[in-house]
């Protein structure tokens, strides 16, 4: 039987994978925001033992950081 921590990590990874599949028409900043939010959700969920608040908080922080990352082509 899976623990809530494993469920949150699995669900977050699936969400990130599905989200990245729809990134074809996105700007680099939008892509970075989505990637940051997905990674933040996974890290927040893991660090808080699968807490929904930790997962959402991690997604918010990751999205903000991803949005601010500057990339060059």
PDB file of N, CA and C in Angstrom:
ATOM      1  N   UNK A   1       0.838  -1.182   0.000  1.00  0.00           N
ATOM      2  CA  UNK A   1       0.000   0.000   0.000  1.00  0.00           C
ATOM      3  C   UNK A   1       0.884   1.246   0.000  1.00  0.00           C
ATOM      4  N   UNK A   2       0.532   2.187  -0.871  1.00  0.00           N
ATOM      5  CA  UNK A   2       1.319   3.406  -0.968  1.00  0.00           C
ATOM      6  C   UNK A   2       1.034   4.335   0.196  1.00  0.00           C
ATOM      7  N   UNK A   3       2.048   5.047   0.591  1.00  0.00           N
ATOM      8  CA  UNK A   3       1.863   6.074   1.611  1.00  0.00           C
ATOM      9  C   UNK A   3       1.428   7.354   0.919  1.00  0.00           C
ATOM     10  N   UNK A   4       0.955   8.303   1.685  1.00  0.00           N
ATOM     11  CA  UNK A   4       0.532   9.582   1.119  1.00  0.00           C
ATOM     12  C   UNK A   4       1.709  10.296   0.463  1.00  0.00           C
ATOM     13  N   UNK A   5       2.895  10.138   1.021  1.00  0.00           N
ATOM     14  CA  UNK A   5       4.093  10.765   0.460  1.00  0.00           C
ATOM     15  C   UNK A   5       4.355  10.232  -0.943  1.00  0.00           C
ATOM     16  N   UNK A   6       4.277   8.930  -1.116  1.00  0.00           N
ATOM     17  CA  UNK A   6       4.502   8.339  -2.430  1.00  0.00           C
ATOM     18  C   UNK A   6       3.417   8.789  -3.404  1.00  0.00           C
ATOM     19  N   UNK A   7       2.184   8.882  -2.930  1.00  0.00           N
ATOM     20  CA  UNK A   7       1.088   9.316  -3.785  1.00  0.00           C
ATOM     21  C   UNK A   7       1.299  10.749  -4.257  1.00  0.00           C
ATOM     22  N   UNK A   8       1.684  11.632  -3.356  1.00  0.00           N
ATOM     23  CA  UNK A   8       1.885  13.037  -3.712  1.00  0.00           C
ATOM     24  C   UNK A   8       3.020  13.168  -4.718  1.00  0.00           C
ATOM     25  N   UNK A   9       4.106  12.469  -4.489  1.00  0.00           N
ATOM     26  CA  UNK A   9       5.236  12.535  -5.421  1.00  0.00           C
ATOM     27  C   UNK A   9       4.820  12.005  -6.793  1.00  0.00           C
ATOM     28  N   UNK A  10       4.130  10.885  -6.829  1.00  0.00           N
ATOM     29  CA  UNK A  10       3.684  10.315  -8.104  1.00  0.00           C
ATOM     30  C   UNK A  10       2.720  11.248  -8.824  1.00  0.00           C
ATOM     31  N   UNK A  11       1.759  11.776  -8.105  1.00  0.00           N
ATOM     32  CA  UNK A  11       0.790  12.686  -8.711  1.00  0.00           C
ATOM     33  C   UNK A  11       1.468  13.955  -9.223  1.00  0.00           C
ATOM     34  N   UNK A  12       2.431  14.452  -8.481  1.00  0.00           N
ATOM     35  CA  UNK A  12       3.146  15.658  -8.901  1.00  0.00           C
ATOM     36  C   UNK A  12       3.955  15.408 -10.163  1.00  0.00           C
ATOM     37  N   UNK A  13       4.624  14.271 -10.221  1.00  0.00           N
ATOM     38  CA  UNK A  13       5.413  13.951 -11.409  1.00  0.00           C
ATOM     39  C   UNK A  13       4.532  13.773 -12.636  1.00  0.00           C
ATOM     40  N   UNK A  14       3.391  13.153 -12.469  1.00  0.00           N
ATOM     41  CA  UNK A  14       2.455  12.984 -13.578  1.00  0.00           C
ATOM     42  C   UNK A  14       1.940  14.347 -14.041  1.00  0.00           C
ATOM     43  N   UNK A  15       1.631  15.219 -13.095  1.00  0.00           N
ATOM     44  CA  UNK A  15       1.160  16.557 -13.435  1.00  0.00           C
ATOM     45  C   UNK A  15       2.218  17.335 -14.199  1.00  0.00           C
ATOM     46  N   UNK A  16       3.458  17.246 -13.768  1.00  0.00           N
ATOM     47  CA  UNK A  16       4.545  17.928 -14.466  1.00  0.00           C
ATOM     48  C   UNK A  16       4.690  17.390 -15.882  1.00  0.00           C
ATOM     49  N   UNK A  17       4.660  16.076 -16.025  1.00  0.00           N
ATOM     50  CA  UNK A  17       4.808  15.473 -17.357  1.00  0.00           C
ATOM     51  C   UNK A  17       3.683  15.916 -18.289  1.00  0.00           C
ATOM     52  N   UNK A  18       2.460  15.913 -17.805  1.00  0.00           N
ATOM     53  CA  UNK A  18       1.333  16.349 -18.637  1.00  0.00           C
ATOM     54  C   UNK A  18       1.414  17.843 -18.940  1.00  0.00           C
ATOM     55  N   UNK A  19       1.843  18.604 -17.974  1.00  0.00           N
ATOM     56  CA  UNK A  19       1.974  20.043 -18.185  1.00  0.00           C
ATOM     57  C   UNK A  19       3.029  20.380 -19.213  1.00  0.00           C
ATOM     58  N   UNK A  20       4.133  19.659 -19.188  1.00  0.00           N
ATOM     59  CA  UNK A  20       5.207  19.922 -20.148  1.00  0.00           C
ATOM     60  C   UNK A  20       4.812  19.510 -21.562  1.00  0.00           C
ATOM     61  N   UNK A  21       3.906  18.573 -21.684  1.00  0.00           N
ATOM     62  CA  UNK A  21       3.450  18.153 -23.013  1.00  0.00           C
ATOM     63  C   UNK A  21       2.719  19.279 -23.721  1.00  0.00           C
ATOM     64  N   UNK A  22       2.133  20.190 -22.992  1.00  0.00           N
ATOM     65  CA  UNK A  22       1.402  21.300 -23.586  1.00  0.00           C
ATOM     66  C   UNK A  22       2.209  22.579 -23.700  1.00  0.00           C
ATOM     67  N   UNK A  23       3.523  22.499 -23.617  1.00  0.00           N
ATOM     68  CA  UNK A  23       4.374  23.692 -23.607  1.00  0.00           C
ATOM     69  C   UNK A  23       4.803  24.172 -24.991  1.00  0.00           C
ATOM     70  N   UNK A  24       4.345  23.545 -26.056  1.00  0.00           N
ATOM     71  CA  UNK A  24       4.843  23.878 -27.392  1.00  0.00           C
ATOM     72  C   UNK A  24       4.642  25.347 -27.747  1.00  0.00           C
ATOM     73  N   UNK A  25       3.508  25.926 -27.410  1.00  0.00           N
ATOM     74  CA  UNK A  25       3.239  27.306 -27.778  1.00  0.00           C
ATOM     75  C   UNK A  25       3.562  28.311 -26.692  1.00  0.00           C
ATOM     76  N   UNK A  26       4.249  27.890 -25.657  1.00  0.00           N
ATOM     77  CA  UNK A  26       4.529  28.776 -24.523  1.00  0.00           C
ATOM     78  C   UNK A  26       5.842  29.523 -24.722  1.00  0.00           C
ATOM     79  N   UNK A  27       5.929  30.704 -24.122  1.00  0.00           N
ATOM     80  CA  UNK A  27       7.190  31.440 -24.119  1.00  0.00           C
ATOM     81  C   UNK A  27       8.155  30.749 -23.155  1.00  0.00           C
ATOM     82  N   UNK A  28       9.423  31.115 -23.242  1.00  0.00           N
ATOM     83  CA  UNK A  28      10.410  30.533 -22.324  1.00  0.00           C
ATOM     84  C   UNK A  28      10.068  30.848 -20.875  1.00  0.00           C
ATOM     85  N   UNK A  29       9.581  32.052 -20.623  1.00  0.00           N
ATOM     86  CA  UNK A  29       9.236  32.426 -19.250  1.00  0.00           C
ATOM     87  C   UNK A  29       8.062  31.580 -18.745  1.00  0.00           C
ATOM     88  N   UNK A  30       7.077  31.343 -19.601  1.00  0.00           N
ATOM     89  CA  UNK A  30       5.941  30.498 -19.212  1.00  0.00           C
ATOM     90  C   UNK A  30       6.396  29.072 -18.934  1.00  0.00           C
ATOM     91  N   UNK A  31       7.297  28.552 -19.771  1.00  0.00           N
ATOM     92  CA  UNK A  31       7.823  27.198 -19.561  1.00  0.00           C
ATOM     93  C   UNK A  31       8.574  27.115 -18.246  1.00  0.00           C
ATOM     94  N   UNK A  32       9.413  28.115 -17.977  1.00  0.00           N
ATOM     95  CA  UNK A  32      10.175  28.118 -16.729  1.00  0.00           C
ATOM     96  C   UNK A  32       9.249  28.183 -15.515  1.00  0.00           C
ATOM     97  N   UNK A  33       8.163  28.941 -15.632  1.00  0.00           N
ATOM     98  CA  UNK A  33       7.197  29.035 -14.542  1.00  0.00           C
ATOM     99  C   UNK A  33       6.545  27.679 -14.278  1.00  0.00           C
ATOM    100  N   UNK A  34       6.136  27.011 -15.355  1.00  0.00           N
ATOM    101  CA  UNK A  34       5.498  25.694 -15.217  1.00  0.00           C
ATOM    102  C   UNK A  34       6.460  24.664 -14.641  1.00  0.00           C
ATOM    103  N   UNK A  35       7.686  24.654 -15.131  1.00  0.00           N
ATOM    104  CA  UNK A  35       8.684  23.708 -14.632  1.00  0.00           C
ATOM    105  C   UNK A  35       8.992  23.991 -13.162  1.00  0.00           C
ATOM    106  N   UNK A  36       9.149  25.266 -12.828  1.00  0.00           N
ATOM    107  CA  UNK A  36       9.422  25.635 -11.435  1.00  0.00           C
ATOM    108  C   UNK A  36       8.292  25.241 -10.504  1.00  0.00           C
ATOM    109  N   UNK A  37       7.057  25.436 -10.954  1.00  0.00           N
ATOM    110  CA  UNK A  37       5.904  25.068 -10.129  1.00  0.00           C
ATOM    111  C   UNK A  37       5.841  23.560  -9.925  1.00  0.00           C
ATOM    112  N   UNK A  38       6.091  22.807 -10.981  1.00  0.00           N
ATOM    113  CA  UNK A  38       6.075  21.345 -10.864  1.00  0.00           C
ATOM    114  C   UNK A  38       7.169  20.833  -9.948  1.00  0.00           C
ATOM    115  N   UNK A  39       8.372  21.340 -10.149  1.00  0.00           N
ATOM    116  CA  UNK A  39       9.488  20.910  -9.304  1.00  0.00           C
ATOM    117  C   UNK A  39       9.267  21.340  -7.857  1.00  0.00           C
ATOM    118  N   UNK A  40       8.756  22.548  -7.672  1.00  0.00           N
ATOM    119  CA  UNK A  40       8.475  23.037  -6.314  1.00  0.00           C
ATOM    120  C   UNK A  40       7.426  22.201  -5.609  1.00  0.00           C
ATOM    121  N   UNK A  41       6.418  21.756  -6.355  1.00  0.00           N
ATOM    122  CA  UNK A  41       5.377  20.910  -5.761  1.00  0.00           C
ATOM    123  C   UNK A  41       5.960  19.593  -5.288  1.00  0.00           C
ATOM    124  N   UNK A  42       6.816  19.012  -6.108  1.00  0.00           N
ATOM    125  CA  UNK A  42       7.438  17.736  -5.727  1.00  0.00           C
ATOM    126  C   UNK A  42       8.312  17.924  -4.487  1.00  0.00           C
ATOM    127  N   UNK A  43       9.174  18.934  -4.516  1.00  0.00           N
ATOM    128  CA  UNK A  43      10.079  19.170  -3.385  1.00  0.00           C
ATOM    129  C   UNK A  43       9.284  19.521  -2.118  1.00  0.00           C
ATOM    130  N   UNK A  44       8.282  20.394  -2.265  1.00  0.00           N
ATOM    131  CA  UNK A  44       7.466  20.764  -1.107  1.00  0.00           C
ATOM    132  C   UNK A  44       6.738  19.580  -0.514  1.00  0.00           C
ATOM    133  N   UNK A  45       6.226  18.712  -1.388  1.00  0.00           N
ATOM    134  CA  UNK A  45       5.538  17.514  -0.910  1.00  0.00           C
ATOM    135  C   UNK A  45       6.466  16.561  -0.186  1.00  0.00           C
ATOM    136  N   UNK A  46       7.648  16.377  -0.730  1.00  0.00           N
ATOM    137  CA  UNK A  46       8.617  15.465  -0.117  1.00  0.00           C
ATOM    138  C   UNK A  46       9.108  16.014   1.222  1.00  0.00           C
ATOM    139  N   UNK A  47       9.438  17.301   1.249  1.00  0.00           N
ATOM    140  CA  UNK A  47       9.979  17.888   2.479  1.00  0.00           C
ATOM    141  C   UNK A  47       8.975  17.937   3.619  1.00  0.00           C
ATOM    142  N   UNK A  48       7.686  17.989   3.285  1.00  0.00           N
ATOM    143  CA  UNK A  48       6.667  18.067   4.336  1.00  0.00           C
ATOM    144  C   UNK A  48       5.943  16.742   4.543  1.00  0.00           C
ATOM    145  N   UNK A  49       6.470  15.678   3.981  1.00  0.00           N
ATOM    146  CA  UNK A  49       5.866  14.368   4.173  1.00  0.00           C
ATOM    147  C   UNK A  49       4.527  14.205   3.469  1.00  0.00           C
ATOM    148  N   UNK A  50       4.333  14.903   2.371  1.00  0.00           N
ATOM    149  CA  UNK A  50       3.102  14.772   1.610  1.00  0.00           C
ATOM    150  C   UNK A  50       2.003  15.724   2.034  1.00  0.00           C
ATOM    151  N   UNK A  51       2.335  16.706   2.818  1.00  0.00           N
ATOM    152  CA  UNK A  51       1.337  17.683   3.264  1.00  0.00           C
ATOM    153  C   UNK A  51       0.814  18.478   2.067  1.00  0.00           C
ATOM    154  N   UNK A  52      -0.503  18.576   1.915  1.00  0.00           N
ATOM    155  CA  UNK A  52      -1.048  19.386   0.813  1.00  0.00           C
ATOM    156  C   UNK A  52      -0.601  20.840   0.881  1.00  0.00           C
ATOM    157  N   UNK A  53      -0.505  21.384   2.074  1.00  0.00           N
ATOM    158  CA  UNK A  53      -0.053  22.764   2.229  1.00  0.00           C
ATOM    159  C   UNK A  53       1.397  22.899   1.762  1.00  0.00           C
ATOM    160  N   UNK A  54       2.239  21.944   2.104  1.00  0.00           N
ATOM    161  CA  UNK A  54       3.634  21.962   1.670  1.00  0.00           C
ATOM    162  C   UNK A  54       3.757  21.823   0.165  1.00  0.00           C
ATOM    163  N   UNK A  55       2.910  20.985  -0.429  1.00  0.00           N
ATOM    164  CA  UNK A  55       2.939  20.787  -1.872  1.00  0.00           C
ATOM    165  C   UNK A  55       2.515  22.059  -2.604  1.00  0.00           C
ATOM    166  N   UNK A  56       1.415  22.655  -2.162  1.00  0.00           N
ATOM    167  CA  UNK A  56       0.936  23.888  -2.792  1.00  0.00           C
ATOM    168  C   UNK A  56       1.918  25.033  -2.562  1.00  0.00           C
ATOM    169  N   UNK A  57       2.440  25.119  -1.353  1.00  0.00           N
ATOM    170  CA  UNK A  57       3.434  26.154  -1.058  1.00  0.00           C
ATOM    171  C   UNK A  57       4.676  25.994  -1.896  1.00  0.00           C
ATOM    172  N   UNK A  58       5.140  24.761  -2.050  1.00  0.00           N
ATOM    173  CA  UNK A  58       6.305  24.498  -2.897  1.00  0.00           C
ATOM    174  C   UNK A  58       6.040  24.859  -4.345  1.00  0.00           C
ATOM    175  N   UNK A  59       4.837  24.573  -4.825  1.00  0.00           N
ATOM    176  CA  UNK A  59       4.476  24.924  -6.202  1.00  0.00           C
ATOM    177  C   UNK A  59       4.476  26.437  -6.391  1.00  0.00           C
ATOM    178  N   UNK A  60       3.947  27.151  -5.416  1.00  0.00           N
ATOM    179  CA  UNK A  60       3.903  28.607  -5.516  1.00  0.00           C
ATOM    180  C   UNK A  60       5.307  29.202  -5.538  1.00  0.00           C
ATOM    181  N   UNK A  61       6.141  28.759  -4.619  1.00  0.00           N
ATOM    182  CA  UNK A  61       7.512  29.273  -4.562  1.00  0.00           C
ATOM    183  C   UNK A  61       8.287  28.882  -5.818  1.00  0.00           C
ATOM    184  N   UNK A  62       8.146  27.636  -6.240  1.00  0.00           N
ATOM    185  CA  UNK A  62       8.829  27.187  -7.454  1.00  0.00           C
ATOM    186  C   UNK A  62       8.380  27.939  -8.687  1.00  0.00           C
ATOM    187  N   UNK A  63       7.081  28.231  -8.777  1.00  0.00           N
ATOM    188  CA  UNK A  63       6.568  29.001  -9.912  1.00  0.00           C
ATOM    189  C   UNK A  63       7.127  30.404  -9.947  1.00  0.00           C
ATOM    190  N   UNK A  64       7.228  31.027  -8.794  1.00  0.00           N
ATOM    191  CA  UNK A  64       7.790  32.381  -8.721  1.00  0.00           C
ATOM    192  C   UNK A  64       9.254  32.365  -9.133  1.00  0.00           C
ATOM    193  N   UNK A  65      10.007  31.412  -8.611  1.00  0.00           N
ATOM    194  CA  UNK A  65      11.428  31.317  -8.971  1.00  0.00           C
ATOM    195  C   UNK A  65      11.578  31.015 -10.462  1.00  0.00           C
ATOM    196  N   UNK A  66      10.803  30.071 -10.978  1.00  0.00           N
ATOM    197  CA  UNK A  66      10.869  29.741 -12.392  1.00  0.00           C
ATOM    198  C   UNK A  66      10.515  30.919 -13.274  1.00  0.00           C
ATOM    199  N   UNK A  67       9.570  31.727 -12.838  1.00  0.00           N
ATOM    200  CA  UNK A  67       9.164  32.901 -13.607  1.00  0.00           C
ATOM    201  C   UNK A  67      10.280  33.938 -13.690  1.00  0.00           C
ATOM    202  N   UNK A  68      11.094  33.999 -12.666  1.00  0.00           N
ATOM    203  CA  UNK A  68      12.149  35.008 -12.616  1.00  0.00           C
ATOM    204  C   UNK A  68      13.462  34.575 -13.267  1.00  0.00           C
ATOM    205  N   UNK A  69      13.579  33.285 -13.605  1.00  0.00           N
ATOM    206  CA  UNK A  69      14.799  32.783 -14.216  1.00  0.00           C
ATOM    207  C   UNK A  69      14.907  33.338 -15.637  1.00  0.00           C
ATOM    208  N   UNK A  70      16.052  33.881 -15.961  1.00  0.00           N
ATOM    209  CA  UNK A  70      16.291  34.414 -17.302  1.00  0.00           C
ATOM    210  C   UNK A  70      17.081  33.383 -18.101  1.00  0.00           C
ATOM    211  N   UNK A  71      16.591  33.058 -19.274  1.00  0.00           N
ATOM    212  CA  UNK A  71      17.292  32.109 -20.144  1.00  0.00           C
ATOM    213  C   UNK A  71      17.703  32.822 -21.419  1.00  0.00           C
ATOM    214  N   UNK A  72      18.762  32.328 -22.005  1.00  0.00           N
ATOM    215  CA  UNK A  72      19.224  32.878 -23.278  1.00  0.00           C
ATOM    216  C   UNK A  72      19.061  31.832 -24.348  1.00  0.00           C
ATOM    217  N   UNK A  73      18.891  32.293 -25.553  1.00  0.00           N
ATOM    218  CA  UNK A  73      18.730  31.359 -26.670  1.00  0.00           C
ATOM    219  C   UNK A  73      20.030  31.186 -27.399  1.00  0.00           C
TER     220      UNK A  73
END
